[in-house]
Amino acid sequence: MDSMSRKIPGGVAHELPIDLRKALSSDPKALAAWEDITPLSRNEWICWALSVKTPEKRKEHVDRVVSELKEGMRRPCCWYGCTHRKDKALSPSQKFILGRRAKR
């Protein structure tokens, strides 16, 4: 079974979006790294890639997921974390960031 037709795991709160699935499927090293990280780590990458507002920025984030996984990164750097998880309360830093965003 090739990487395009097999199931690639998502995160704990997010399914794997099609654009990220295609990017991972096209790079065996990135895909292997993706499959080696935890569901929580995958969730952070997915949420980080989805968090942007423009299609151009989303493409940049998807491309960075692939390149940074290949470099050995296991989570997005300087990311305040997924706010969509229902298994834990928001941290003070997440509340601060979300409060700043709401004021814009």
PDB file of N, CA and C in Angstrom:
ATOM      1  N   MET A   1       0.843  -1.174   0.000  1.00  0.00           N
ATOM      2  CA  MET A   1       0.000   0.000   0.000  1.00  0.00           C
ATOM      3  C   MET A   1       0.890   1.240   0.000  1.00  0.00           C
ATOM      4  N   ASP A   2       0.653   2.181  -0.913  1.00  0.00           N
ATOM      5  CA  ASP A   2       1.486   3.385  -0.954  1.00  0.00           C
ATOM      6  C   ASP A   2       1.002   4.401   0.072  1.00  0.00           C
ATOM      7  N   SER A   3       1.823   5.433   0.314  1.00  0.00           N
ATOM      8  CA  SER A   3       1.524   6.395   1.372  1.00  0.00           C
ATOM      9  C   SER A   3       0.292   7.236   1.083  1.00  0.00           C
ATOM     10  N   MET A   4      -0.094   7.380  -0.180  1.00  0.00           N
ATOM     11  CA  MET A   4      -1.276   8.175  -0.508  1.00  0.00           C
ATOM     12  C   MET A   4      -2.564   7.430  -0.163  1.00  0.00           C
ATOM     13  N   SER A   5      -2.555   6.107  -0.188  1.00  0.00           N
ATOM     14  CA  SER A   5      -3.784   5.361   0.054  1.00  0.00           C
ATOM     15  C   SER A   5      -3.871   4.815   1.474  1.00  0.00           C
ATOM     16  N   ARG A   6      -2.795   4.828   2.237  1.00  0.00           N
ATOM     17  CA  ARG A   6      -2.874   4.313   3.603  1.00  0.00           C
ATOM     18  C   ARG A   6      -3.317   5.420   4.561  1.00  0.00           C
ATOM     19  N   LYS A   7      -3.827   5.010   5.684  1.00  0.00           N
ATOM     20  CA  LYS A   7      -4.296   5.945   6.704  1.00  0.00           C
ATOM     21  C   LYS A   7      -3.093   6.554   7.422  1.00  0.00           C
ATOM     22  N   ILE A   8      -3.037   7.866   7.436  1.00  0.00           N
ATOM     23  CA  ILE A   8      -1.998   8.589   8.157  1.00  0.00           C
ATOM     24  C   ILE A   8      -2.670   9.172   9.395  1.00  0.00           C
ATOM     25  N   PRO A   9      -2.131   8.920  10.575  1.00  0.00           N
ATOM     26  CA  PRO A   9      -2.807   9.347  11.794  1.00  0.00           C
ATOM     27  C   PRO A   9      -2.856  10.865  11.965  1.00  0.00           C
ATOM     28  N   GLY A  10      -3.923  11.319  12.597  1.00  0.00           N
ATOM     29  CA  GLY A  10      -4.088  12.728  12.931  1.00  0.00           C
ATOM     30  C   GLY A  10      -3.703  12.976  14.379  1.00  0.00           C
ATOM     31  N   GLY A  11      -4.357  13.948  14.986  1.00  0.00           N
ATOM     32  CA  GLY A  11      -4.069  14.306  16.367  1.00  0.00           C
ATOM     33  C   GLY A  11      -5.199  13.905  17.288  1.00  0.00           C
ATOM     34  N   VAL A  12      -5.173  14.425  18.508  1.00  0.00           N
ATOM     35  CA  VAL A  12      -6.206  14.080  19.476  1.00  0.00           C
ATOM     36  C   VAL A  12      -7.462  14.932  19.313  1.00  0.00           C
ATOM     37  N   ALA A  13      -7.339  16.139  18.805  1.00  0.00           N
ATOM     38  CA  ALA A  13      -8.491  17.028  18.614  1.00  0.00           C
ATOM     39  C   ALA A  13      -8.704  17.384  17.148  1.00  0.00           C
ATOM     40  N   HIS A  14      -7.726  17.088  16.311  1.00  0.00           N
ATOM     41  CA  HIS A  14      -7.793  17.464  14.899  1.00  0.00           C
ATOM     42  C   HIS A  14      -7.552  16.255  14.001  1.00  0.00           C
ATOM     43  N   GLU A  15      -8.367  16.152  12.971  1.00  0.00           N
ATOM     44  CA  GLU A  15      -8.103  15.191  11.905  1.00  0.00           C
ATOM     45  C   GLU A  15      -6.995  15.770  11.031  1.00  0.00           C
ATOM     46  N   LEU A  16      -6.325  14.933  10.300  1.00  0.00           N
ATOM     47  CA  LEU A  16      -5.261  15.387   9.410  1.00  0.00           C
ATOM     48  C   LEU A  16      -5.884  16.036   8.174  1.00  0.00           C
ATOM     49  N   PRO A  17      -5.640  17.331   7.933  1.00  0.00           N
ATOM     50  CA  PRO A  17      -6.213  17.988   6.757  1.00  0.00           C
ATOM     51  C   PRO A  17      -5.579  17.468   5.463  1.00  0.00           C
ATOM     52  N   ILE A  18      -6.319  17.577   4.398  1.00  0.00           N
ATOM     53  CA  ILE A  18      -5.896  17.026   3.106  1.00  0.00           C
ATOM     54  C   ILE A  18      -4.562  17.607   2.645  1.00  0.00           C
ATOM     55  N   ASP A  19      -4.387  18.921   2.763  1.00  0.00           N
ATOM     56  CA  ASP A  19      -3.144  19.527   2.271  1.00  0.00           C
ATOM     57  C   ASP A  19      -1.933  19.018   3.046  1.00  0.00           C
ATOM     58  N   LEU A  20      -2.072  18.839   4.350  1.00  0.00           N
ATOM     59  CA  LEU A  20      -0.958  18.323   5.133  1.00  0.00           C
ATOM     60  C   LEU A  20      -0.740  16.838   4.850  1.00  0.00           C
ATOM     61  N   ARG A  21      -1.820  16.094   4.649  1.00  0.00           N
ATOM     62  CA  ARG A  21      -1.713  14.676   4.286  1.00  0.00           C
ATOM     63  C   ARG A  21      -0.925  14.524   2.976  1.00  0.00           C
ATOM     64  N   LYS A  22      -1.242  15.340   1.985  1.00  0.00           N
ATOM     65  CA  LYS A  22      -0.535  15.269   0.694  1.00  0.00           C
ATOM     66  C   LYS A  22       0.937  15.623   0.850  1.00  0.00           C
ATOM     67  N   ALA A  23       1.218  16.651   1.640  1.00  0.00           N
ATOM     68  CA  ALA A  23       2.612  17.058   1.832  1.00  0.00           C
ATOM     69  C   ALA A  23       3.414  15.968   2.533  1.00  0.00           C
ATOM     70  N   LEU A  24       2.835  15.366   3.561  1.00  0.00           N
ATOM     71  CA  LEU A  24       3.530  14.283   4.263  1.00  0.00           C
ATOM     72  C   LEU A  24       3.693  13.059   3.375  1.00  0.00           C
ATOM     73  N   SER A  25       2.658  12.741   2.607  1.00  0.00           N
ATOM     74  CA  SER A  25       2.701  11.570   1.727  1.00  0.00           C
ATOM     75  C   SER A  25       3.759  11.697   0.647  1.00  0.00           C
ATOM     76  N   SER A  26       4.079  12.925   0.284  1.00  0.00           N
ATOM     77  CA  SER A  26       5.053  13.127  -0.792  1.00  0.00           C
ATOM     78  C   SER A  26       6.502  13.111  -0.301  1.00  0.00           C
ATOM     79  N   ASP A  27       6.695  12.985   1.023  1.00  0.00           N
ATOM     80  CA  ASP A  27       8.051  12.998   1.566  1.00  0.00           C
ATOM     81  C   ASP A  27       8.215  11.861   2.577  1.00  0.00           C
ATOM     82  N   PRO A  28       8.839  10.755   2.171  1.00  0.00           N
ATOM     83  CA  PRO A  28       8.959   9.592   3.068  1.00  0.00           C
ATOM     84  C   PRO A  28       9.637   9.888   4.407  1.00  0.00           C
ATOM     85  N   LYS A  29      10.633  10.756   4.407  1.00  0.00           N
ATOM     86  CA  LYS A  29      11.326  11.066   5.657  1.00  0.00           C
ATOM     87  C   LYS A  29      10.411  11.832   6.605  1.00  0.00           C
ATOM     88  N   ALA A  30       9.679  12.805   6.088  1.00  0.00           N
ATOM     89  CA  ALA A  30       8.739  13.564   6.919  1.00  0.00           C
ATOM     90  C   ALA A  30       7.620  12.663   7.415  1.00  0.00           C
ATOM     91  N   LEU A  31       7.131  11.778   6.557  1.00  0.00           N
ATOM     92  CA  LEU A  31       6.069  10.854   6.943  1.00  0.00           C
ATOM     93  C   LEU A  31       6.535   9.919   8.054  1.00  0.00           C
ATOM     94  N   ALA A  32       7.740   9.424   7.950  1.00  0.00           N
ATOM     95  CA  ALA A  32       8.280   8.542   8.998  1.00  0.00           C
ATOM     96  C   ALA A  32       8.383   9.299  10.328  1.00  0.00           C
ATOM     97  N   ALA A  33       8.828  10.547  10.269  1.00  0.00           N
ATOM     98  CA  ALA A  33       8.923  11.359  11.488  1.00  0.00           C
ATOM     99  C   ALA A  33       7.530  11.604  12.061  1.00  0.00           C
ATOM    100  N   TRP A  34       6.549  11.881  11.200  1.00  0.00           N
ATOM    101  CA  TRP A  34       5.167  12.102  11.622  1.00  0.00           C
ATOM    102  C   TRP A  34       4.624  10.876  12.356  1.00  0.00           C
ATOM    103  N   GLU A  35       4.890   9.722  11.808  1.00  0.00           N
ATOM    104  CA  GLU A  35       4.377   8.497  12.405  1.00  0.00           C
ATOM    105  C   GLU A  35       5.111   8.136  13.694  1.00  0.00           C
ATOM    106  N   ASP A  36       6.279   8.735  13.919  1.00  0.00           N
ATOM    107  CA  ASP A  36       7.072   8.459  15.115  1.00  0.00           C
ATOM    108  C   ASP A  36       6.700   9.356  16.290  1.00  0.00           C
ATOM    109  N   ILE A  37       6.037  10.492  16.043  1.00  0.00           N
ATOM    110  CA  ILE A  37       5.690  11.392  17.139  1.00  0.00           C
ATOM    111  C   ILE A  37       4.345  10.990  17.760  1.00  0.00           C
ATOM    112  N   THR A  38       4.066  11.506  18.935  1.00  0.00           N
ATOM    113  CA  THR A  38       2.847  11.156  19.659  1.00  0.00           C
ATOM    114  C   THR A  38       1.619  11.815  19.038  1.00  0.00           C
ATOM    115  N   PRO A  39       0.430  11.296  19.323  1.00  0.00           N
ATOM    116  CA  PRO A  39      -0.791  11.949  18.851  1.00  0.00           C
ATOM    117  C   PRO A  39      -0.909  13.403  19.340  1.00  0.00           C
ATOM    118  N   LEU A  40      -0.440  13.692  20.558  1.00  0.00           N
ATOM    119  CA  LEU A  40      -0.462  15.075  21.040  1.00  0.00           C
ATOM    120  C   LEU A  40       0.458  15.970  20.218  1.00  0.00           C
ATOM    121  N   SER A  41       1.629  15.457  19.859  1.00  0.00           N
ATOM    122  CA  SER A  41       2.548  16.234  19.022  1.00  0.00           C
ATOM    123  C   SER A  41       1.959  16.462  17.641  1.00  0.00           C
ATOM    124  N   ARG A  42       1.368  15.419  17.061  1.00  0.00           N
ATOM    125  CA  ARG A  42       0.720  15.587  15.747  1.00  0.00           C
ATOM    126  C   ARG A  42      -0.381  16.625  15.838  1.00  0.00           C
ATOM    127  N   ASN A  43      -1.131  16.597  16.921  1.00  0.00           N
ATOM    128  CA  ASN A  43      -2.202  17.560  17.111  1.00  0.00           C
ATOM    129  C   ASN A  43      -1.667  18.991  17.124  1.00  0.00           C
ATOM    130  N   GLU A  44      -0.531  19.196  17.799  1.00  0.00           N
ATOM    131  CA  GLU A  44       0.069  20.537  17.854  1.00  0.00           C
ATOM    132  C   GLU A  44       0.455  21.013  16.454  1.00  0.00           C
ATOM    133  N   TRP A  45       1.065  20.136  15.661  1.00  0.00           N
ATOM    134  CA  TRP A  45       1.443  20.511  14.295  1.00  0.00           C
ATOM    135  C   TRP A  45       0.198  20.857  13.464  1.00  0.00           C
ATOM    136  N   ILE A  46      -0.834  20.041  13.575  1.00  0.00           N
ATOM    137  CA  ILE A  46      -2.044  20.286  12.788  1.00  0.00           C
ATOM    138  C   ILE A  46      -2.670  21.623  13.186  1.00  0.00           C
ATOM    139  N   CYS A  47      -2.836  21.840  14.480  1.00  0.00           N
ATOM    140  CA  CYS A  47      -3.446  23.079  14.953  1.00  0.00           C
ATOM    141  C   CYS A  47      -2.606  24.279  14.522  1.00  0.00           C
ATOM    142  N   TRP A  48      -1.304  24.163  14.619  1.00  0.00           N
ATOM    143  CA  TRP A  48      -0.405  25.247  14.210  1.00  0.00           C
ATOM    144  C   TRP A  48      -0.582  25.551  12.723  1.00  0.00           C
ATOM    145  N   ALA A  49      -0.684  24.520  11.907  1.00  0.00           N
ATOM    146  CA  ALA A  49      -0.857  24.728  10.465  1.00  0.00           C
ATOM    147  C   ALA A  49      -2.219  25.338  10.148  1.00  0.00           C
ATOM    148  N   LEU A  50      -3.237  25.014  10.938  1.00  0.00           N
ATOM    149  CA  LEU A  50      -4.589  25.525  10.699  1.00  0.00           C
ATOM    150  C   LEU A  50      -4.808  26.921  11.273  1.00  0.00           C
ATOM    151  N   SER A  51      -3.936  27.378  12.143  1.00  0.00           N
ATOM    152  CA  SER A  51      -4.177  28.601  12.911  1.00  0.00           C
ATOM    153  C   SER A  51      -4.023  29.897  12.120  1.00  0.00           C
ATOM    154  N   VAL A  52      -3.534  29.826  10.922  1.00  0.00           N
ATOM    155  CA  VAL A  52      -3.267  31.034  10.140  1.00  0.00           C
ATOM    156  C   VAL A  52      -4.518  31.475   9.382  1.00  0.00           C
ATOM    157  N   LYS A  53      -4.498  32.700   8.864  1.00  0.00           N
ATOM    158  CA  LYS A  53      -5.698  33.275   8.263  1.00  0.00           C
ATOM    159  C   LYS A  53      -5.724  33.262   6.740  1.00  0.00           C
ATOM    160  N   THR A  54      -4.580  33.131   6.101  1.00  0.00           N
ATOM    161  CA  THR A  54      -4.576  33.203   4.637  1.00  0.00           C
ATOM    162  C   THR A  54      -4.104  31.882   4.033  1.00  0.00           C
ATOM    163  N   PRO A  55      -4.552  31.576   2.816  1.00  0.00           N
ATOM    164  CA  PRO A  55      -4.086  30.360   2.142  1.00  0.00           C
ATOM    165  C   PRO A  55      -2.575  30.356   1.927  1.00  0.00           C
ATOM    166  N   GLU A  56      -2.005  31.518   1.669  1.00  0.00           N
ATOM    167  CA  GLU A  56      -0.558  31.600   1.446  1.00  0.00           C
ATOM    168  C   GLU A  56       0.204  31.222   2.713  1.00  0.00           C
ATOM    169  N   LYS A  57      -0.250  31.752   3.840  1.00  0.00           N
ATOM    170  CA  LYS A  57       0.417  31.460   5.107  1.00  0.00           C
ATOM    171  C   LYS A  57       0.206  29.992   5.493  1.00  0.00           C
ATOM    172  N   ARG A  58      -0.968  29.468   5.174  1.00  0.00           N
ATOM    173  CA  ARG A  58      -1.219  28.053   5.478  1.00  0.00           C
ATOM    174  C   ARG A  58      -0.259  27.175   4.689  1.00  0.00           C
ATOM    175  N   LYS A  59      -0.052  27.488   3.408  1.00  0.00           N
ATOM    176  CA  LYS A  59       0.899  26.713   2.599  1.00  0.00           C
ATOM    177  C   LYS A  59       2.288  26.794   3.218  1.00  0.00           C
ATOM    178  N   GLU A  60       2.681  27.973   3.669  1.00  0.00           N
ATOM    179  CA  GLU A  60       3.986  28.120   4.335  1.00  0.00           C
ATOM    180  C   GLU A  60       4.068  27.219   5.569  1.00  0.00           C
ATOM    181  N   HIS A  61       3.007  27.199   6.349  1.00  0.00           N
ATOM    182  CA  HIS A  61       3.017  26.379   7.562  1.00  0.00           C
ATOM    183  C   HIS A  61       3.069  24.891   7.225  1.00  0.00           C
ATOM    184  N   VAL A  62       2.300  24.465   6.237  1.00  0.00           N
ATOM    185  CA  VAL A  62       2.335  23.055   5.833  1.00  0.00           C
ATOM    186  C   VAL A  62       3.735  22.683   5.363  1.00  0.00           C
ATOM    187  N   ASP A  63       4.345  23.542   4.555  1.00  0.00           N
ATOM    188  CA  ASP A  63       5.714  23.282   4.089  1.00  0.00           C
ATOM    189  C   ASP A  63       6.696  23.226   5.263  1.00  0.00           C
ATOM    190  N   ARG A  64       6.489  24.094   6.253  1.00  0.00           N
ATOM    191  CA  ARG A  64       7.374  24.092   7.418  1.00  0.00           C
ATOM    192  C   ARG A  64       7.193  22.840   8.264  1.00  0.00           C
ATOM    193  N   VAL A  65       5.964  22.323   8.357  1.00  0.00           N
ATOM    194  CA  VAL A  65       5.758  21.078   9.100  1.00  0.00           C
ATOM    195  C   VAL A  65       6.658  19.998   8.509  1.00  0.00           C
ATOM    196  N   VAL A  66       6.630  19.872   7.193  1.00  0.00           N
ATOM    197  CA  VAL A  66       7.438  18.850   6.513  1.00  0.00           C
ATOM    198  C   VAL A  66       8.925  19.087   6.767  1.00  0.00           C
ATOM    199  N   SER A  67       9.388  20.298   6.542  1.00  0.00           N
ATOM    200  CA  SER A  67      10.832  20.548   6.678  1.00  0.00           C
ATOM    201  C   SER A  67      11.288  20.427   8.128  1.00  0.00           C
ATOM    202  N   GLU A  68      10.487  20.899   9.073  1.00  0.00           N
ATOM    203  CA  GLU A  68      10.916  20.846  10.467  1.00  0.00           C
ATOM    204  C   GLU A  68      10.857  19.430  11.037  1.00  0.00           C
ATOM    205  N   LEU A  69       9.895  18.637  10.586  1.00  0.00           N
ATOM    206  CA  LEU A  69       9.899  17.221  10.984  1.00  0.00           C
ATOM    207  C   LEU A  69      11.169  16.536  10.486  1.00  0.00           C
ATOM    208  N   LYS A  70      11.558  16.840   9.257  1.00  0.00           N
ATOM    209  CA  LYS A  70      12.767  16.233   8.685  1.00  0.00           C
ATOM    210  C   LYS A  70      14.022  16.681   9.439  1.00  0.00           C
ATOM    211  N   GLU A  71      13.969  17.873  10.048  1.00  0.00           N
ATOM    212  CA  GLU A  71      15.100  18.374  10.833  1.00  0.00           C
ATOM    213  C   GLU A  71      15.118  17.791  12.248  1.00  0.00           C
ATOM    214  N   GLY A  72      14.088  17.040  12.594  1.00  0.00           N
ATOM    215  CA  GLY A  72      14.053  16.404  13.907  1.00  0.00           C
ATOM    216  C   GLY A  72      13.166  17.085  14.935  1.00  0.00           C
ATOM    217  N   MET A  73      12.499  18.151  14.547  1.00  0.00           N
ATOM    218  CA  MET A  73      11.603  18.812  15.494  1.00  0.00           C
ATOM    219  C   MET A  73      10.379  17.927  15.733  1.00  0.00           C
ATOM    220  N   ARG A  74       9.958  17.862  16.976  1.00  0.00           N
ATOM    221  CA  ARG A  74       8.822  17.004  17.328  1.00  0.00           C
ATOM    222  C   ARG A  74       7.559  17.809  17.622  1.00  0.00           C
ATOM    223  N   ARG A  75       7.700  19.107  17.823  1.00  0.00           N
ATOM    224  CA  ARG A  75       6.563  20.014  18.034  1.00  0.00           C
ATOM    225  C   ARG A  75       6.906  21.368  17.428  1.00  0.00           C
ATOM    226  N   PRO A  76       5.886  22.152  17.092  1.00  0.00           N
ATOM    227  CA  PRO A  76       6.186  23.490  16.567  1.00  0.00           C
ATOM    228  C   PRO A  76       6.845  24.360  17.637  1.00  0.00           C
ATOM    229  N   CYS A  77       7.838  25.092  17.247  1.00  0.00           N
ATOM    230  CA  CYS A  77       8.578  25.952  18.161  1.00  0.00           C
ATOM    231  C   CYS A  77       7.736  27.170  18.554  1.00  0.00           C
ATOM    232  N   CYS A  78       7.792  27.520  19.811  1.00  0.00           N
ATOM    233  CA  CYS A  78       7.162  28.746  20.320  1.00  0.00           C
ATOM    234  C   CYS A  78       5.652  28.765  20.118  1.00  0.00           C
ATOM    235  N   TRP A  79       5.048  27.620  20.066  1.00  0.00           N
ATOM    236  CA  TRP A  79       3.597  27.499  19.884  1.00  0.00           C
ATOM    237  C   TRP A  79       2.949  27.431  21.251  1.00  0.00           C
ATOM    238  N   TYR A  80       1.912  28.220  21.455  1.00  0.00           N
ATOM    239  CA  TYR A  80       1.252  28.248  22.755  1.00  0.00           C
ATOM    240  C   TYR A  80       0.360  27.041  22.994  1.00  0.00           C
ATOM    241  N   GLY A  81       0.166  26.227  21.996  1.00  0.00           N
ATOM    242  CA  GLY A  81      -0.568  24.978  22.151  1.00  0.00           C
ATOM    243  C   GLY A  81      -1.979  25.039  21.601  1.00  0.00           C
ATOM    244  N   CYS A  82      -2.508  23.891  21.338  1.00  0.00           N
ATOM    245  CA  CYS A  82      -3.845  23.751  20.768  1.00  0.00           C
ATOM    246  C   CYS A  82      -4.899  24.146  21.790  1.00  0.00           C
ATOM    247  N   THR A  83      -5.760  25.054  21.396  1.00  0.00           N
ATOM    248  CA  THR A  83      -6.847  25.495  22.274  1.00  0.00           C
ATOM    249  C   THR A  83      -8.112  24.672  22.050  1.00  0.00           C
ATOM    250  N   HIS A  84      -8.061  23.706  21.154  1.00  0.00           N
ATOM    251  CA  HIS A  84      -9.234  22.913  20.802  1.00  0.00           C
ATOM    252  C   HIS A  84      -9.358  21.625  21.605  1.00  0.00           C
ATOM    253  N   ARG A  85      -8.340  21.301  22.366  1.00  0.00           N
ATOM    254  CA  ARG A  85      -8.388  20.067  23.165  1.00  0.00           C
ATOM    255  C   ARG A  85      -9.430  20.197  24.267  1.00  0.00           C
ATOM    256  N   LYS A  86     -10.190  19.148  24.461  1.00  0.00           N
ATOM    257  CA  LYS A  86     -11.232  19.145  25.486  1.00  0.00           C
ATOM    258  C   LYS A  86     -10.797  18.390  26.741  1.00  0.00           C
ATOM    259  N   ASP A  87      -9.595  17.794  26.710  1.00  0.00           N
ATOM    260  CA  ASP A  87      -9.142  16.979  27.836  1.00  0.00           C
ATOM    261  C   ASP A  87      -8.363  17.767  28.877  1.00  0.00           C
ATOM    262  N   LYS A  88      -8.194  19.083  28.663  1.00  0.00           N
ATOM    263  CA  LYS A  88      -7.484  19.900  29.647  1.00  0.00           C
ATOM    264  C   LYS A  88      -7.947  21.343  29.539  1.00  0.00           C
ATOM    265  N   ALA A  89      -7.814  22.058  30.644  1.00  0.00           N
ATOM    266  CA  ALA A  89      -8.177  23.476  30.662  1.00  0.00           C
ATOM    267  C   ALA A  89      -7.110  24.301  29.945  1.00  0.00           C
ATOM    268  N   LEU A  90      -7.500  25.482  29.471  1.00  0.00           N
ATOM    269  CA  LEU A  90      -6.533  26.386  28.859  1.00  0.00           C
ATOM    270  C   LEU A  90      -5.526  26.847  29.910  1.00  0.00           C
ATOM    271  N   SER A  91      -4.277  26.954  29.500  1.00  0.00           N
ATOM    272  CA  SER A  91      -3.235  27.435  30.409  1.00  0.00           C
ATOM    273  C   SER A  91      -3.312  28.964  30.493  1.00  0.00           C
ATOM    274  N   PRO A  92      -2.688  29.562  31.499  1.00  0.00           N
ATOM    275  CA  PRO A  92      -2.664  31.025  31.578  1.00  0.00           C
ATOM    276  C   PRO A  92      -2.054  31.671  30.324  1.00  0.00           C
ATOM    277  N   SER A  93      -1.013  31.070  29.757  1.00  0.00           N
ATOM    278  CA  SER A  93      -0.404  31.664  28.557  1.00  0.00           C
ATOM    279  C   SER A  93      -1.356  31.579  27.354  1.00  0.00           C
ATOM    280  N   GLN A  94      -2.111  30.498  27.240  1.00  0.00           N
ATOM    281  CA  GLN A  94      -3.088  30.396  26.152  1.00  0.00           C
ATOM    282  C   GLN A  94      -4.172  31.456  26.322  1.00  0.00           C
ATOM    283  N   LYS A  95      -4.663  31.631  27.542  1.00  0.00           N
ATOM    284  CA  LYS A  95      -5.690  32.647  27.797  1.00  0.00           C
ATOM    285  C   LYS A  95      -5.173  34.041  27.449  1.00  0.00           C
ATOM    286  N   PHE A  96      -3.915  34.314  27.790  1.00  0.00           N
ATOM    287  CA  PHE A  96      -3.316  35.606  27.482  1.00  0.00           C
ATOM    288  C   PHE A  96      -3.269  35.844  25.971  1.00  0.00           C
ATOM    289  N   ILE A  97      -2.764  34.863  25.226  1.00  0.00           N
ATOM    290  CA  ILE A  97      -2.673  34.992  23.769  1.00  0.00           C
ATOM    291  C   ILE A  97      -4.048  35.159  23.152  1.00  0.00           C
ATOM    292  N   LEU A  98      -4.994  34.346  23.568  1.00  0.00           N
ATOM    293  CA  LEU A  98      -6.348  34.440  23.015  1.00  0.00           C
ATOM    294  C   LEU A  98      -6.988  35.768  23.355  1.00  0.00           C
ATOM    295  N   GLY A  99      -6.733  36.298  24.541  1.00  0.00           N
ATOM    296  CA  GLY A  99      -7.237  37.616  24.915  1.00  0.00           C
ATOM    297  C   GLY A  99      -6.664  38.722  24.038  1.00  0.00           C
ATOM    298  N   ARG A 100      -5.379  38.620  23.739  1.00  0.00           N
ATOM    299  CA  ARG A 100      -4.737  39.616  22.854  1.00  0.00           C
ATOM    300  C   ARG A 100      -5.317  39.538  21.453  1.00  0.00           C
ATOM    301  N   ARG A 101      -5.557  38.328  20.972  1.00  0.00           N
ATOM    302  CA  ARG A 101      -6.109  38.171  19.623  1.00  0.00           C
ATOM    303  C   ARG A 101      -7.523  38.721  19.537  1.00  0.00           C
ATOM    304  N   ALA A 102      -8.309  38.549  20.596  1.00  0.00           N
ATOM    305  CA  ALA A 102      -9.697  39.009  20.593  1.00  0.00           C
ATOM    306  C   ALA A 102      -9.774  40.533  20.542  1.00  0.00           C
ATOM    307  N   LYS A 103      -8.752  41.229  21.039  1.00  0.00           N
ATOM    308  CA  LYS A 103      -8.746  42.689  21.053  1.00  0.00           C
ATOM    309  C   LYS A 103      -8.389  43.310  19.710  1.00  0.00           C
ATOM    310  N   ARG A 104      -7.887  42.516  18.789  1.00  0.00           N
ATOM    311  CA  ARG A 104      -7.468  43.046  17.472  1.00  0.00           C
ATOM    312  C   ARG A 104      -8.646  43.438  16.637  1.00  0.00           C
TER     313      ARG A 104
END
